[in-house]
Amino acid sequence: NGKKVIITETGWPSTGSSLKGAVSSEENAMKYFINAQMWSAKE
């Protein structure tokens, strides 16, 4: 309701078991980090 929102945690694992459509891999971890940082900086 108008208060600042801070994303306190978000990320992606680089290996290990996957969860449904969420695949743990180095490639996906890099992609998620890049997109998350670019979006948060832009907005």
All heavy atoms as atom14 arrays in JSON, in Angstrom:
{
  "sequence": "NGKKVIITETGWPSTGSSLKGAVSSEENAMKYFINAQMWSAKE",
  "atom14_mask": [
    [1, 1, 1, 1, 1, 1, 1, 1, 0, 0, 0, 0, 0, 0],
    [1, 1, 1, 1, 0, 0, 0, 0, 0, 0, 0, 0, 0, 0],
    [1, 1, 1, 1, 1, 1, 1, 1, 1, 0, 0, 0, 0, 0],
    [1, 1, 1, 1, 1, 1, 1, 1, 1, 0, 0, 0, 0, 0],
    [1, 1, 1, 1, 1, 1, 1, 0, 0, 0, 0, 0, 0, 0],
    [1, 1, 1, 1, 1, 1, 1, 1, 0, 0, 0, 0, 0, 0],
    [1, 1, 1, 1, 1, 1, 1, 1, 0, 0, 0, 0, 0, 0],
    [1, 1, 1, 1, 1, 1, 1, 0, 0, 0, 0, 0, 0, 0],
    [1, 1, 1, 1, 1, 1, 1, 1, 1, 0, 0, 0, 0, 0],
    [1, 1, 1, 1, 1, 1, 1, 0, 0, 0, 0, 0, 0, 0],
    [1, 1, 1, 1, 0, 0, 0, 0, 0, 0, 0, 0, 0, 0],
    [1, 1, 1, 1, 1, 1, 1, 1, 1, 1, 1, 1, 1, 1],
    [1, 1, 1, 1, 1, 1, 1, 0, 0, 0, 0, 0, 0, 0],
    [1, 1, 1, 1, 1, 1, 0, 0, 0, 0, 0, 0, 0, 0],
    [1, 1, 1, 1, 1, 1, 1, 0, 0, 0, 0, 0, 0, 0],
    [1, 1, 1, 1, 0, 0, 0, 0, 0, 0, 0, 0, 0, 0],
    [1, 1, 1, 1, 1, 1, 0, 0, 0, 0, 0, 0, 0, 0],
    [1, 1, 1, 1, 1, 1, 0, 0, 0, 0, 0, 0, 0, 0],
    [1, 1, 1, 1, 1, 1, 1, 1, 0, 0, 0, 0, 0, 0],
    [1, 1, 1, 1, 1, 1, 1, 1, 1, 0, 0, 0, 0, 0],
    [1, 1, 1, 1, 0, 0, 0, 0, 0, 0, 0, 0, 0, 0],
    [1, 1, 1, 1, 1, 0, 0, 0, 0, 0, 0, 0, 0, 0],
    [1, 1, 1, 1, 1, 1, 1, 0, 0, 0, 0, 0, 0, 0],
    [1, 1, 1, 1, 1, 1, 0, 0, 0, 0, 0, 0, 0, 0],
    [1, 1, 1, 1, 1, 1, 0, 0, 0, 0, 0, 0, 0, 0],
    [1, 1, 1, 1, 1, 1, 1, 1, 1, 0, 0, 0, 0, 0],
    [1, 1, 1, 1, 1, 1, 1, 1, 1, 0, 0, 0, 0, 0],
    [1, 1, 1, 1, 1, 1, 1, 1, 0, 0, 0, 0, 0, 0],
    [1, 1, 1, 1, 1, 0, 0, 0, 0, 0, 0, 0, 0, 0],
    [1, 1, 1, 1, 1, 1, 1, 1, 0, 0, 0, 0, 0, 0],
    [1, 1, 1, 1, 1, 1, 1, 1, 1, 0, 0, 0, 0, 0],
    [1, 1, 1, 1, 1, 1, 1, 1, 1, 1, 1, 1, 0, 0],
    [1, 1, 1, 1, 1, 1, 1, 1, 1, 1, 1, 0, 0, 0],
    [1, 1, 1, 1, 1, 1, 1, 1, 0, 0, 0, 0, 0, 0],
    [1, 1, 1, 1, 1, 1, 1, 1, 0, 0, 0, 0, 0, 0],
    [1, 1, 1, 1, 1, 0, 0, 0, 0, 0, 0, 0, 0, 0],
    [1, 1, 1, 1, 1, 1, 1, 1, 1, 0, 0, 0, 0, 0],
    [1, 1, 1, 1, 1, 1, 1, 1, 0, 0, 0, 0, 0, 0],
    [1, 1, 1, 1, 1, 1, 1, 1, 1, 1, 1, 1, 1, 1],
    [1, 1, 1, 1, 1, 1, 0, 0, 0, 0, 0, 0, 0, 0],
    [1, 1, 1, 1, 1, 0, 0, 0, 0, 0, 0, 0, 0, 0],
    [1, 1, 1, 1, 1, 1, 1, 1, 1, 0, 0, 0, 0, 0],
    [1, 1, 1, 1, 1, 1, 1, 1, 1, 0, 0, 0, 0, 0]
  ],
  "atom14_positions": [
    [[0.81, -1.22, 0.0], [0.0, 0.0, 0.0], [0.84, 1.27, 0.0], [0.65, 2.18, 0.8], [-0.95, 0.01, 1.19], [-2.03, -1.03, 1.08], [-2.62, -1.23, 0.01], [-2.32, -1.72, 2.18], [0.0, 0.0, 0.0], [0.0, 0.0, 0.0], [0.0, 0.0, 0.0], [0.0, 0.0, 0.0], [0.0, 0.0, 0.0], [0.0, 0.0, 0.0]],
    [[1.84, 1.32, -0.89], [2.66, 2.51, -1.03], [3.99, 2.46, -0.3], [4.84, 3.34, -0.51], [0.0, 0.0, 0.0], [0.0, 0.0, 0.0], [0.0, 0.0, 0.0], [0.0, 0.0, 0.0], [0.0, 0.0, 0.0], [0.0, 0.0, 0.0], [0.0, 0.0, 0.0], [0.0, 0.0, 0.0], [0.0, 0.0, 0.0], [0.0, 0.0, 0.0]],
    [[4.19, 1.47, 0.55], [5.48, 1.34, 1.23], [6.53, 0.77, 0.28], [6.2, 0.03, -0.66], [5.34, 0.42, 2.45], [4.46, 1.0, 3.54], [4.38, 0.07, 4.74], [3.5, 0.69, 5.83], [3.4, -0.18, 7.02], [0.0, 0.0, 0.0], [0.0, 0.0, 0.0], [0.0, 0.0, 0.0], [0.0, 0.0, 0.0], [0.0, 0.0, 0.0]],
    [[7.78, 1.13, 0.53], [8.86, 0.57, -0.28], [8.9, -0.94, -0.12], [8.71, -1.48, 0.98], [10.21, 1.15, 0.16], [11.4, 0.57, -0.61], [12.73, 0.96, -0.01], [13.07, 2.39, -0.34], [14.47, 2.72, 0.08], [0.0, 0.0, 0.0], [0.0, 0.0, 0.0], [0.0, 0.0, 0.0], [0.0, 0.0, 0.0], [0.0, 0.0, 0.0]],
    [[9.15, -1.63, -1.23], [9.35, -3.08, -1.21], [10.8, -3.36, -1.59], [11.29, -2.87, -2.62], [8.41, -3.8, -2.19], [8.72, -5.3, -2.22], [6.95, -3.56, -1.79], [0.0, 0.0, 0.0], [0.0, 0.0, 0.0], [0.0, 0.0, 0.0], [0.0, 0.0, 0.0], [0.0, 0.0, 0.0], [0.0, 0.0, 0.0], [0.0, 0.0, 0.0]],
    [[11.48, -4.14, -0.78], [12.84, -4.58, -1.07], [12.81, -6.09, -1.27], [12.21, -6.82, -0.46], [13.8, -4.23, 0.09], [13.87, -2.71, 0.28], [15.2, -4.79, -0.18], [14.7, -2.29, 1.49], [0.0, 0.0, 0.0], [0.0, 0.0, 0.0], [0.0, 0.0, 0.0], [0.0, 0.0, 0.0], [0.0, 0.0, 0.0], [0.0, 0.0, 0.0]],
    [[13.4, -6.56, -2.35], [13.56, -8.0, -2.55], [14.74, -8.45, -1.69], [15.88, -8.11, -1.98], [13.77, -8.35, -4.03], [12.54, -7.94, -4.85], [14.05, -9.85, -4.2], [12.69, -8.16, -6.35], [0.0, 0.0, 0.0], [0.0, 0.0, 0.0], [0.0, 0.0, 0.0], [0.0, 0.0, 0.0], [0.0, 0.0, 0.0], [0.0, 0.0, 0.0]],
    [[14.44, -9.19, -0.64], [15.46, -9.54, 0.34], [16.19, -10.83, -0.02], [17.28, -11.09, 0.5], [14.84, -9.68, 1.73], [13.54, -10.29, 1.62], [14.69, -8.31, 2.37], [0.0, 0.0, 0.0], [0.0, 0.0, 0.0], [0.0, 0.0, 0.0], [0.0, 0.0, 0.0], [0.0, 0.0, 0.0], [0.0, 0.0, 0.0], [0.0, 0.0, 0.0]],
    [[15.59, -11.66, -0.85], [16.27, -12.86, -1.35], [15.71, -13.21, -2.72], [14.5, -13.22, -2.92], [16.04, -14.08, -0.44], [16.67, -14.02, 0.92], [16.32, -15.25, 1.76], [16.27, -16.38, 1.18], [16.09, -15.1, 2.96], [0.0, 0.0, 0.0], [0.0, 0.0, 0.0], [0.0, 0.0, 0.0], [0.0, 0.0, 0.0], [0.0, 0.0, 0.0]],
    [[16.61, -13.52, -3.65], [16.27, -14.18, -4.9], [17.56, -14.76, -5.45], [18.65, -14.24, -5.2], [15.6, -13.23, -5.91], [15.0, -13.99, -6.96], [16.6, -12.23, -6.51], [0.0, 0.0, 0.0], [0.0, 0.0, 0.0], [0.0, 0.0, 0.0], [0.0, 0.0, 0.0], [0.0, 0.0, 0.0], [0.0, 0.0, 0.0], [0.0, 0.0, 0.0]],
    [[17.46, -15.85, -6.17], [18.66, -16.48, -6.7], [18.31, -17.75, -7.46], [17.14, -18.09, -7.63], [0.0, 0.0, 0.0], [0.0, 0.0, 0.0], [0.0, 0.0, 0.0], [0.0, 0.0, 0.0], [0.0, 0.0, 0.0], [0.0, 0.0, 0.0], [0.0, 0.0, 0.0], [0.0, 0.0, 0.0], [0.0, 0.0, 0.0], [0.0, 0.0, 0.0]],
    [[19.37, -18.45, -7.9], [19.19, -19.68, -8.67], [20.38, -20.6, -8.4], [21.52, -20.15, -8.45], [19.11, -19.37, -10.17], [18.46, -20.46, -10.98], [19.07, -21.59, -11.49], [17.1, -20.52, -11.39], [18.16, -22.34, -12.18], [16.94, -21.72, -12.15], [16.0, -19.69, -11.2], [15.72, -22.09, -12.7], [14.78, -20.05, -11.75], [14.66, -21.24, -12.5]],
    [[20.14, -21.88, -8.11], [21.25, -22.79, -7.8], [22.01, -23.23, -9.04], [21.42, -23.39, -10.12], [20.54, -23.98, -7.14], [19.18, -23.99, -7.76], [18.82, -22.54, -7.99], [0.0, 0.0, 0.0], [0.0, 0.0, 0.0], [0.0, 0.0, 0.0], [0.0, 0.0, 0.0], [0.0, 0.0, 0.0], [0.0, 0.0, 0.0], [0.0, 0.0, 0.0]],
    [[23.3, -23.47, -8.88], [24.16, -23.81, -10.01], [24.3, -25.3, -10.24], [24.81, -25.72, -11.28], [25.56, -23.2, -9.81], [26.14, -23.69, -8.61], [0.0, 0.0, 0.0], [0.0, 0.0, 0.0], [0.0, 0.0, 0.0], [0.0, 0.0, 0.0], [0.0, 0.0, 0.0], [0.0, 0.0, 0.0], [0.0, 0.0, 0.0], [0.0, 0.0, 0.0]],
    [[23.85, -26.11, -9.31], [23.85, -27.57, -9.5], [22.93, -28.18, -8.46], [22.39, -27.49, -7.6], [25.28, -28.14, -9.37], [25.29, -29.51, -9.79], [25.8, -28.06, -7.95], [0.0, 0.0, 0.0], [0.0, 0.0, 0.0], [0.0, 0.0, 0.0], [0.0, 0.0, 0.0], [0.0, 0.0, 0.0], [0.0, 0.0, 0.0], [0.0, 0.0, 0.0]],
    [[22.76, -29.51, -8.54], [21.86, -30.19, -7.63], [20.58, -30.61, -8.32], [20.4, -30.4, -9.52], [0.0, 0.0, 0.0], [0.0, 0.0, 0.0], [0.0, 0.0, 0.0], [0.0, 0.0, 0.0], [0.0, 0.0, 0.0], [0.0, 0.0, 0.0], [0.0, 0.0, 0.0], [0.0, 0.0, 0.0], [0.0, 0.0, 0.0], [0.0, 0.0, 0.0]],
    [[19.67, -31.19, -7.56], [18.41, -31.67, -8.12], [17.58, -30.5, -8.63], [17.62, -29.4, -8.07], [17.62, -32.43, -7.05], [18.35, -33.53, -6.57], [0.0, 0.0, 0.0], [0.0, 0.0, 0.0], [0.0, 0.0, 0.0], [0.0, 0.0, 0.0], [0.0, 0.0, 0.0], [0.0, 0.0, 0.0], [0.0, 0.0, 0.0], [0.0, 0.0, 0.0]],
    [[16.81, -30.76, -9.69], [15.92, -29.74, -10.23], [14.53, -29.89, -9.64], [14.2, -30.91, -9.02], [15.89, -29.84, -11.75], [17.18, -29.61, -12.3], [0.0, 0.0, 0.0], [0.0, 0.0, 0.0], [0.0, 0.0, 0.0], [0.0, 0.0, 0.0], [0.0, 0.0, 0.0], [0.0, 0.0, 0.0], [0.0, 0.0, 0.0], [0.0, 0.0, 0.0]],
    [[13.69, -28.89, -9.83], [12.35, -28.88, -9.26], [11.34, -28.56, -10.37], [11.28, -27.44, -10.85], [12.26, -27.84, -8.15], [10.9, -27.67, -7.47], [10.46, -28.97, -6.8], [10.97, -26.54, -6.45], [0.0, 0.0, 0.0], [0.0, 0.0, 0.0], [0.0, 0.0, 0.0], [0.0, 0.0, 0.0], [0.0, 0.0, 0.0], [0.0, 0.0, 0.0]],
    [[10.6, -29.58, -10.79], [9.64, -29.4, -11.89], [10.35, -28.74, -13.07], [11.35, -29.25, -13.55], [8.42, -28.64, -11.41], [7.63, -29.38, -10.33], [6.33, -28.69, -10.0], [5.54, -29.51, -8.99], [4.24, -28.9, -8.68], [0.0, 0.0, 0.0], [0.0, 0.0, 0.0], [0.0, 0.0, 0.0], [0.0, 0.0, 0.0], [0.0, 0.0, 0.0]],
    [[9.87, -27.59, -13.52], [10.49, -26.93, -14.67], [11.72, -26.12, -14.35], [12.38, -25.6, -15.25], [0.0, 0.0, 0.0], [0.0, 0.0, 0.0], [0.0, 0.0, 0.0], [0.0, 0.0, 0.0], [0.0, 0.0, 0.0], [0.0, 0.0, 0.0], [0.0, 0.0, 0.0], [0.0, 0.0, 0.0], [0.0, 0.0, 0.0], [0.0, 0.0, 0.0]],
    [[12.05, -26.01, -13.07], [13.21, -25.22, -12.65], [14.45, -26.12, -12.61], [14.55, -27.0, -11.77], [12.97, -24.6, -11.28], [0.0, 0.0, 0.0], [0.0, 0.0, 0.0], [0.0, 0.0, 0.0], [0.0, 0.0, 0.0], [0.0, 0.0, 0.0], [0.0, 0.0, 0.0], [0.0, 0.0, 0.0], [0.0, 0.0, 0.0], [0.0, 0.0, 0.0]],
    [[15.35, -25.91, -13.56], [16.53, -26.76, -13.73], [17.75, -26.1, -13.09], [18.08, -24.95, -13.41], [16.79, -27.06, -15.21], [18.07, -27.88, -15.38], [15.6, -27.78, -15.83], [0.0, 0.0, 0.0], [0.0, 0.0, 0.0], [0.0, 0.0, 0.0], [0.0, 0.0, 0.0], [0.0, 0.0, 0.0], [0.0, 0.0, 0.0], [0.0, 0.0, 0.0]],
    [[18.4, -26.82, -12.19], [19.61, -26.33, -11.55], [20.8, -26.55, -12.49], [21.09, -27.68, -12.86], [19.87, -27.09, -10.24], [18.73, -27.04, -9.42], [0.0, 0.0, 0.0], [0.0, 0.0, 0.0], [0.0, 0.0, 0.0], [0.0, 0.0, 0.0], [0.0, 0.0, 0.0], [0.0, 0.0, 0.0], [0.0, 0.0, 0.0], [0.0, 0.0, 0.0]],
    [[21.48, -25.48, -12.88], [22.65, -25.6, -13.74], [23.44, -24.31, -13.68], [22.9, -23.25, -13.34], [22.25, -25.88, -15.19], [21.67, -24.74, -15.79], [0.0, 0.0, 0.0], [0.0, 0.0, 0.0], [0.0, 0.0, 0.0], [0.0, 0.0, 0.0], [0.0, 0.0, 0.0], [0.0, 0.0, 0.0], [0.0, 0.0, 0.0], [0.0, 0.0, 0.0]],
    [[24.72, -24.4, -14.02], [25.54, -23.19, -14.07], [25.01, -22.2, -15.1], [24.96, -20.99, -14.86], [26.99, -23.57, -14.38], [27.69, -24.3, -13.26], [29.18, -24.43, -13.48], [29.64, -24.07, -14.6], [29.89, -24.86, -12.55], [0.0, 0.0, 0.0], [0.0, 0.0, 0.0], [0.0, 0.0, 0.0], [0.0, 0.0, 0.0], [0.0, 0.0, 0.0]],
    [[24.59, -22.72, -16.25], [24.08, -21.83, -17.29], [22.84, -21.07, -16.81], [22.73, -19.85, -17.0], [23.74, -22.65, -18.54], [23.23, -21.82, -19.7], [22.98, -22.64, -20.95], [23.38, -23.83, -20.98], [22.4, -22.09, -21.91], [0.0, 0.0, 0.0], [0.0, 0.0, 0.0], [0.0, 0.0, 0.0], [0.0, 0.0, 0.0], [0.0, 0.0, 0.0]],
    [[21.91, -21.77, -16.18], [20.7, -21.1, -15.71], [20.98, -20.15, -14.56], [20.35, -19.09, -14.44], [19.66, -22.14, -15.3], [19.01, -22.81, -16.48], [19.13, -22.36, -17.62], [18.32, -23.92, -16.23], [0.0, 0.0, 0.0], [0.0, 0.0, 0.0], [0.0, 0.0, 0.0], [0.0, 0.0, 0.0], [0.0, 0.0, 0.0], [0.0, 0.0, 0.0]],
    [[21.93, -20.51, -13.7], [22.29, -19.61, -12.6], [22.87, -18.31, -13.14], [22.56, -17.22, -12.63], [23.29, -20.29, -11.67], [0.0, 0.0, 0.0], [0.0, 0.0, 0.0], [0.0, 0.0, 0.0], [0.0, 0.0, 0.0], [0.0, 0.0, 0.0], [0.0, 0.0, 0.0], [0.0, 0.0, 0.0], [0.0, 0.0, 0.0], [0.0, 0.0, 0.0]],
    [[23.68, -18.39, -14.17], [24.23, -17.18, -14.78], [23.13, -16.34, -15.43], [23.08, -15.12, -15.27], [25.3, -17.54, -15.81], [26.61, -18.0, -15.19], [27.95, -18.2, -16.4], [27.47, -19.74, -17.2], [0.0, 0.0, 0.0], [0.0, 0.0, 0.0], [0.0, 0.0, 0.0], [0.0, 0.0, 0.0], [0.0, 0.0, 0.0], [0.0, 0.0, 0.0]],
    [[22.24, -17.0, -16.16], [21.15, -16.28, -16.83], [20.26, -15.56, -15.81], [19.89, -14.39, -16.01], [20.31, -17.25, -17.66], [21.0, -17.79, -18.9], [20.12, -18.8, -19.61], [20.77, -19.33, -20.88], [19.92, -20.35, -21.56], [0.0, 0.0, 0.0], [0.0, 0.0, 0.0], [0.0, 0.0, 0.0], [0.0, 0.0, 0.0], [0.0, 0.0, 0.0]],
    [[19.92, -16.25, -14.75], [19.04, -15.64, -13.76], [19.71, -14.44, -13.09], [19.08, -13.38, -12.91], [18.63, -16.67, -12.7], [17.55, -16.13, -11.79], [16.22, -16.11, -12.19], [17.86, -15.61, -10.54], [15.23, -15.59, -11.38], [16.88, -15.09, -9.7], [15.56, -15.09, -10.14], [14.58, -14.56, -9.33], [0.0, 0.0, 0.0], [0.0, 0.0, 0.0]],
    [[20.96, -14.58, -12.74], [21.68, -13.47, -12.11], [21.72, -12.26, -13.03], [21.44, -11.13, -12.61], [23.1, -13.91, -11.75], [23.94, -12.8, -11.18], [23.81, -12.41, -9.87], [24.89, -12.14, -11.98], [24.58, -11.38, -9.34], [25.66, -11.13, -11.46], [25.51, -10.73, -10.14], [0.0, 0.0, 0.0], [0.0, 0.0, 0.0], [0.0, 0.0, 0.0]],
    [[22.05, -12.48, -14.29], [22.14, -11.37, -15.25], [20.8, -10.66, -15.38], [20.72, -9.43, -15.27], [22.63, -11.89, -16.62], [24.08, -12.36, -16.53], [22.47, -10.81, -17.69], [24.51, -13.22, -17.7], [0.0, 0.0, 0.0], [0.0, 0.0, 0.0], [0.0, 0.0, 0.0], [0.0, 0.0, 0.0], [0.0, 0.0, 0.0], [0.0, 0.0, 0.0]],
    [[19.74, -11.42, -15.62], [18.43, -10.8, -15.78], [17.95, -10.09, -14.52], [17.39, -8.99, -14.59], [17.4, -11.86, -16.2], [17.31, -12.03, -17.7], [17.75, -11.17, -18.46], [16.73, -13.13, -18.13], [0.0, 0.0, 0.0], [0.0, 0.0, 0.0], [0.0, 0.0, 0.0], [0.0, 0.0, 0.0], [0.0, 0.0, 0.0], [0.0, 0.0, 0.0]],
    [[18.17, -10.72, -13.36], [17.73, -10.11, -12.11], [18.44, -8.79, -11.87], [17.81, -7.79, -11.48], [17.97, -11.07, -10.95], [0.0, 0.0, 0.0], [0.0, 0.0, 0.0], [0.0, 0.0, 0.0], [0.0, 0.0, 0.0], [0.0, 0.0, 0.0], [0.0, 0.0, 0.0], [0.0, 0.0, 0.0], [0.0, 0.0, 0.0], [0.0, 0.0, 0.0]],
    [[19.75, -8.76, -12.09], [20.51, -7.53, -11.85], [20.15, -6.44, -12.85], [20.01, -5.26, -12.48], [22.01, -7.83, -11.89], [22.5, -8.76, -10.78], [22.23, -8.23, -9.39], [22.23, -7.02, -9.15], [21.99, -9.14, -8.47], [0.0, 0.0, 0.0], [0.0, 0.0, 0.0], [0.0, 0.0, 0.0], [0.0, 0.0, 0.0], [0.0, 0.0, 0.0]],
    [[20.0, -6.8, -14.12], [19.67, -5.79, -15.13], [18.29, -5.21, -14.89], [18.08, -4.0, -15.01], [19.8, -6.4, -16.52], [21.23, -6.68, -16.93], [21.35, -7.19, -18.68], [23.13, -7.25, -18.89], [0.0, 0.0, 0.0], [0.0, 0.0, 0.0], [0.0, 0.0, 0.0], [0.0, 0.0, 0.0], [0.0, 0.0, 0.0], [0.0, 0.0, 0.0]],
    [[17.33, -6.07, -14.55], [15.97, -5.59, -14.31], [15.9, -4.7, -13.08], [15.31, -3.61, -13.11], [15.01, -6.76, -14.16], [13.64, -6.36, -13.69], [12.72, -5.61, -14.37], [13.05, -6.65, -12.42], [11.59, -5.43, -13.62], [11.76, -6.06, -12.41], [13.48, -7.37, -11.31], [10.91, -6.17, -11.32], [12.62, -7.48, -10.22], [11.35, -6.88, -10.23]],
    [[16.53, -5.13, -11.98], [16.46, -4.34, -10.75], [17.14, -2.99, -10.93], [16.67, -1.97, -10.41], [17.08, -5.11, -9.58], [18.45, -5.35, -9.78], [0.0, 0.0, 0.0], [0.0, 0.0, 0.0], [0.0, 0.0, 0.0], [0.0, 0.0, 0.0], [0.0, 0.0, 0.0], [0.0, 0.0, 0.0], [0.0, 0.0, 0.0], [0.0, 0.0, 0.0]],
    [[18.25, -2.96, -11.68], [18.92, -1.69, -11.93], [18.06, -0.78, -12.8], [17.95, 0.43, -12.54], [20.27, -1.94, -12.6], [0.0, 0.0, 0.0], [0.0, 0.0, 0.0], [0.0, 0.0, 0.0], [0.0, 0.0, 0.0], [0.0, 0.0, 0.0], [0.0, 0.0, 0.0], [0.0, 0.0, 0.0], [0.0, 0.0, 0.0], [0.0, 0.0, 0.0]],
    [[17.43, -1.35, -13.82], [16.59, -0.56, -14.72], [15.4, 0.05, -14.0], [15.04, 1.21, -14.21], [16.12, -1.42, -15.89], [15.27, -0.67, -16.91], [14.85, -1.58, -18.05], [14.1, -0.8, -19.12], [12.86, -0.19, -18.6], [0.0, 0.0, 0.0], [0.0, 0.0, 0.0], [0.0, 0.0, 0.0], [0.0, 0.0, 0.0], [0.0, 0.0, 0.0]],
    [[14.77, -0.74, -13.13], [13.56, -0.3, -12.44], [13.86, 0.35, -11.08], [12.94, 0.73, -10.36], [12.62, -1.49, -12.23], [12.13, -2.15, -13.5], [11.19, -1.26, -14.29], [10.66, -0.28, -13.71], [11.0, -1.53, -15.5], [0.0, 0.0, 0.0], [0.0, 0.0, 0.0], [0.0, 0.0, 0.0], [0.0, 0.0, 0.0], [0.0, 0.0, 0.0]]
  ]
}
